[in-house]
N, C-alpha and C. Protein backbone atom coordinates (compact mmCIF):
# COMPACT_ATOMS: atom_id res chain seq x y z
N MET A 1 182.40 -61.06 56.34
CA MET A 1 182.25 -61.69 57.72
C MET A 1 181.02 -63.30 57.65
N LEU A 2 181.42 -63.71 58.46
CA LEU A 2 180.26 -65.70 58.07
C LEU A 2 179.62 -65.69 58.99
N ARG A 3 178.58 -65.75 59.35
CA ARG A 3 178.23 -65.87 60.88
C ARG A 3 177.45 -67.42 60.64
N ALA A 4 178.14 -68.48 61.19
CA ALA A 4 177.79 -70.20 61.38
C ALA A 4 177.47 -70.75 62.59
N PRO A 5 176.73 -70.51 63.83
CA PRO A 5 176.27 -69.79 64.15
C PRO A 5 175.75 -68.35 64.68
N SER A 6 177.33 -68.56 65.38
CA SER A 6 178.53 -66.83 64.86
C SER A 6 179.32 -66.60 64.48
N PRO A 7 179.70 -64.96 64.30
CA PRO A 7 180.30 -64.28 63.45
C PRO A 7 181.98 -65.18 63.49
N ILE A 8 182.47 -65.33 62.42
CA ILE A 8 183.60 -65.66 61.89
C ILE A 8 184.46 -64.20 61.45
N PRO A 9 185.03 -64.07 61.94
CA PRO A 9 185.97 -62.90 61.54
C PRO A 9 186.57 -63.21 60.41
N SER A 10 187.24 -62.18 59.14
CA SER A 10 188.38 -63.08 58.47
C SER A 10 189.67 -63.52 58.94
N GLY A 11 188.97 -64.30 57.86
CA GLY A 11 190.71 -65.09 58.67
C GLY A 11 191.13 -65.98 59.97
N GLU A 12 189.87 -66.18 60.10
CA GLU A 12 190.03 -67.23 61.92
C GLU A 12 189.41 -68.76 60.95
N LEU A 13 189.91 -69.37 61.61
CA LEU A 13 189.81 -71.26 61.73
C LEU A 13 187.98 -71.11 62.91
N ALA A 14 187.03 -72.12 62.16
CA ALA A 14 186.49 -72.02 62.91
C ALA A 14 186.29 -73.61 62.92
N ILE A 15 186.28 -74.82 64.20
CA ILE A 15 186.29 -76.09 64.37
C ILE A 15 184.55 -76.36 65.55
N PHE A 16 183.72 -76.66 64.23
CA PHE A 16 182.32 -77.74 64.82
C PHE A 16 182.31 -78.68 64.98
N GLU A 17 181.61 -78.99 66.70
CA GLU A 17 181.82 -79.91 67.26
C GLU A 17 180.83 -81.43 66.48
N PRO A 18 180.94 -82.75 66.84
CA PRO A 18 180.81 -83.19 66.17
C PRO A 18 178.94 -83.85 65.78
N SER A 19 178.06 -83.46 64.73
CA SER A 19 176.50 -83.18 65.35
C SER A 19 176.00 -84.03 63.94
N GLU A 20 174.80 -83.87 63.95
CA GLU A 20 174.15 -84.88 63.04
C GLU A 20 173.14 -83.30 62.30
N ARG A 21 173.20 -82.56 62.59
CA ARG A 21 172.79 -81.34 62.48
C ARG A 21 172.70 -80.48 60.95
N SER A 22 172.46 -79.80 60.50
CA SER A 22 172.70 -78.56 59.93
C SER A 22 173.45 -77.50 60.13
N ILE A 23 174.51 -76.99 59.63
CA ILE A 23 174.78 -75.93 60.08
C ILE A 23 174.39 -74.94 58.57
N ASP A 24 173.22 -73.66 59.11
CA ASP A 24 173.58 -72.36 58.58
C ASP A 24 174.29 -71.20 58.12
N PHE A 25 175.18 -71.26 57.02
CA PHE A 25 176.31 -69.76 57.45
C PHE A 25 175.48 -69.57 56.32
N VAL A 26 175.83 -67.45 56.73
CA VAL A 26 175.21 -66.50 56.42
C VAL A 26 176.37 -65.39 56.18
N ALA A 27 176.54 -65.29 54.77
CA ALA A 27 177.50 -64.15 54.70
C ALA A 27 176.84 -62.89 54.28
N GLU A 28 178.39 -61.84 55.05
CA GLU A 28 177.67 -60.33 55.36
C GLU A 28 178.34 -59.83 54.51
N GLY A 29 178.86 -59.59 52.96
CA GLY A 29 179.20 -58.68 52.45
C GLY A 29 179.71 -60.07 51.76
N ALA A 30 181.06 -59.77 51.14
CA ALA A 30 181.46 -60.26 49.98
C ALA A 30 182.51 -61.57 50.39
N THR A 31 182.20 -62.75 50.52
CA THR A 31 182.85 -63.43 51.48
C THR A 31 183.30 -64.45 50.82
N VAL A 32 184.56 -65.08 51.37
CA VAL A 32 185.01 -66.67 50.68
C VAL A 32 185.30 -67.39 51.83
N PHE A 33 185.17 -68.79 51.44
CA PHE A 33 185.63 -69.81 53.26
C PHE A 33 185.17 -70.77 52.24
N VAL A 34 185.91 -71.64 52.84
CA VAL A 34 186.51 -73.66 52.76
C VAL A 34 185.86 -74.78 53.87
N LEU A 35 185.31 -75.03 53.68
CA LEU A 35 183.93 -75.87 53.68
C LEU A 35 184.90 -77.62 54.38
N GLY A 36 185.70 -78.15 55.05
CA GLY A 36 185.94 -79.37 55.53
C GLY A 36 185.30 -80.28 55.78
N SER A 37 184.47 -81.61 56.29
CA SER A 37 183.54 -82.84 56.70
C SER A 37 184.80 -84.14 56.06
N ALA A 38 184.49 -84.52 57.68
CA ALA A 38 185.02 -86.01 57.16
C ALA A 38 184.67 -86.85 58.37
N ALA A 39 183.92 -88.40 57.70
CA ALA A 39 183.64 -89.52 58.97
C ALA A 39 184.62 -89.93 60.04
N LYS A 40 184.34 -89.69 61.05
CA LYS A 40 185.47 -90.00 62.29
C LYS A 40 186.38 -90.81 61.74
N HIS A 41 187.06 -90.73 62.29
CA HIS A 41 188.33 -92.21 62.21
C HIS A 41 188.51 -93.27 63.61
N PRO A 42 188.67 -94.26 62.80
CA PRO A 42 187.57 -95.60 63.71
C PRO A 42 189.22 -95.55 64.93
N HIS A 43 190.34 -95.09 64.55
CA HIS A 43 190.92 -95.12 65.52
C HIS A 43 191.16 -94.17 65.81
N ASP A 44 192.33 -93.55 67.41
CA ASP A 44 192.80 -92.79 67.99
C ASP A 44 194.01 -92.47 66.48
N LEU A 45 193.72 -90.83 66.61
CA LEU A 45 195.38 -90.54 66.22
C LEU A 45 196.07 -89.55 67.11
N VAL A 46 197.65 -90.29 66.41
CA VAL A 46 198.56 -89.28 67.50
C VAL A 46 199.47 -88.20 66.24
N LEU A 47 198.79 -86.57 66.40
CA LEU A 47 199.34 -85.54 65.69
C LEU A 47 201.01 -85.58 66.39
N GLY A 48 201.70 -85.25 64.74
CA GLY A 48 202.72 -84.59 64.71
C GLY A 48 203.11 -83.29 64.22
N ASN A 49 204.05 -82.96 64.32
CA ASN A 49 204.66 -81.27 63.10
C ASN A 49 204.24 -81.50 61.78
N TYR A 50 204.46 -83.20 61.35
CA TYR A 50 204.29 -82.49 59.88
C TYR A 50 203.94 -83.92 59.74
N SER A 51 203.03 -84.99 60.47
CA SER A 51 202.77 -86.07 60.06
C SER A 51 201.20 -86.46 61.28
N VAL A 52 200.35 -87.74 61.54
CA VAL A 52 199.46 -88.47 61.47
C VAL A 52 199.84 -89.65 62.22
N HIS A 53 199.75 -90.36 62.88
CA HIS A 53 199.71 -91.94 62.71
C HIS A 53 198.91 -91.99 64.08
N THR A 54 198.94 -93.46 63.84
CA THR A 54 197.65 -94.08 64.56
C THR A 54 198.40 -94.66 66.38
N SER A 55 199.81 -94.27 66.51
CA SER A 55 200.50 -94.80 68.12
C SER A 55 201.35 -93.67 68.29
N ALA A 56 201.96 -93.51 69.37
CA ALA A 56 203.14 -92.35 68.96
C ALA A 56 204.62 -92.97 68.52
N GLY A 57 204.38 -94.59 68.86
CA GLY A 57 205.90 -95.16 68.48
C GLY A 57 206.29 -94.98 66.29
N ALA A 58 204.80 -94.80 66.30
CA ALA A 58 204.80 -94.47 64.67
C ALA A 58 204.93 -93.26 64.54
N LEU A 59 204.71 -92.48 65.08
CA LEU A 59 205.09 -91.62 64.91
C LEU A 59 206.23 -90.45 64.96
N ARG A 60 206.73 -91.37 65.71
CA ARG A 60 208.37 -91.50 65.94
C ARG A 60 209.06 -91.40 65.34
N GLN A 61 208.32 -92.64 64.46
CA GLN A 61 209.42 -93.23 63.38
C GLN A 61 208.86 -92.23 62.34
N GLY A 62 207.84 -92.68 61.80
CA GLY A 62 207.15 -90.97 60.82
C GLY A 62 208.59 -89.43 61.01
N GLU A 63 208.23 -89.61 61.85
CA GLU A 63 209.55 -87.79 61.88
C GLU A 63 210.43 -88.37 61.76
N ALA A 64 210.99 -88.93 62.70
CA ALA A 64 212.45 -89.85 62.31
C ALA A 64 212.60 -89.65 60.89
N GLU A 65 212.16 -90.47 60.45
CA GLU A 65 212.26 -90.46 58.76
C GLU A 65 212.53 -88.93 57.88
N ILE A 66 211.71 -88.59 58.47
CA ILE A 66 211.04 -87.00 57.38
C ILE A 66 212.50 -86.44 57.96
N ARG A 67 213.10 -86.30 58.92
CA ARG A 67 214.58 -85.74 58.98
C ARG A 67 215.37 -86.54 58.58
N ARG A 68 215.08 -87.17 58.25
CA ARG A 68 216.83 -88.74 57.54
C ARG A 68 217.01 -87.95 55.94
N ILE A 69 215.31 -88.15 55.75
CA ILE A 69 215.04 -87.44 54.41
C ILE A 69 215.68 -85.81 54.18
N GLY A 70 215.25 -84.63 55.19
CA GLY A 70 215.53 -83.67 55.06
C GLY A 70 217.46 -84.00 55.16
N HIS A 71 217.48 -84.22 56.16
CA HIS A 71 219.53 -84.62 56.64
C HIS A 71 219.82 -85.28 54.36
N GLN A 72 219.83 -86.06 54.33
CA GLN A 72 219.95 -86.10 53.09
C GLN A 72 219.80 -84.92 51.86
N LEU A 73 218.55 -84.36 52.18
CA LEU A 73 218.32 -83.68 50.70
C LEU A 73 218.72 -82.59 51.28
N ARG A 74 219.33 -81.92 52.45
CA ARG A 74 220.49 -80.54 52.69
C ARG A 74 221.53 -81.23 51.63
N ALA A 75 222.40 -82.23 52.16
CA ALA A 75 223.58 -82.96 52.06
C ALA A 75 224.20 -82.64 50.90
N ASN A 76 222.92 -82.95 49.74
CA ASN A 76 222.81 -83.51 48.03
C ASN A 76 222.98 -82.08 47.37
N GLY A 77 222.29 -81.41 48.29
CA GLY A 77 221.80 -79.66 47.42
C GLY A 77 220.37 -79.48 46.82
N THR A 78 219.85 -80.62 47.16
CA THR A 78 218.53 -80.55 46.70
C THR A 78 217.32 -79.64 47.38
N LEU A 79 218.52 -79.46 48.81
CA LEU A 79 216.89 -78.62 49.44
C LEU A 79 217.94 -77.98 50.15
N ARG A 80 217.75 -76.39 50.52
CA ARG A 80 218.73 -75.75 50.67
C ARG A 80 217.91 -75.42 52.13
N ARG A 81 218.55 -74.61 53.02
CA ARG A 81 218.87 -74.13 54.32
C ARG A 81 217.42 -72.60 54.36
């Protein structure tokens, strides 16, 4: 179990609010965790199933391209269902 500042059960994802303050982590027993951090992106982001884009149109285009490539790979036998 990991506490930061409240308990985070095994297998759970914790998302913290943006802040300039530090976060104290306390491991209770054998604990493994991954911490990710990033600067705020300067643009609004549109999330899709497979990708992230800066507009709904770009997302549609990107996901259509992913589908096209998937169809092509299945047709030539590279990708199986």
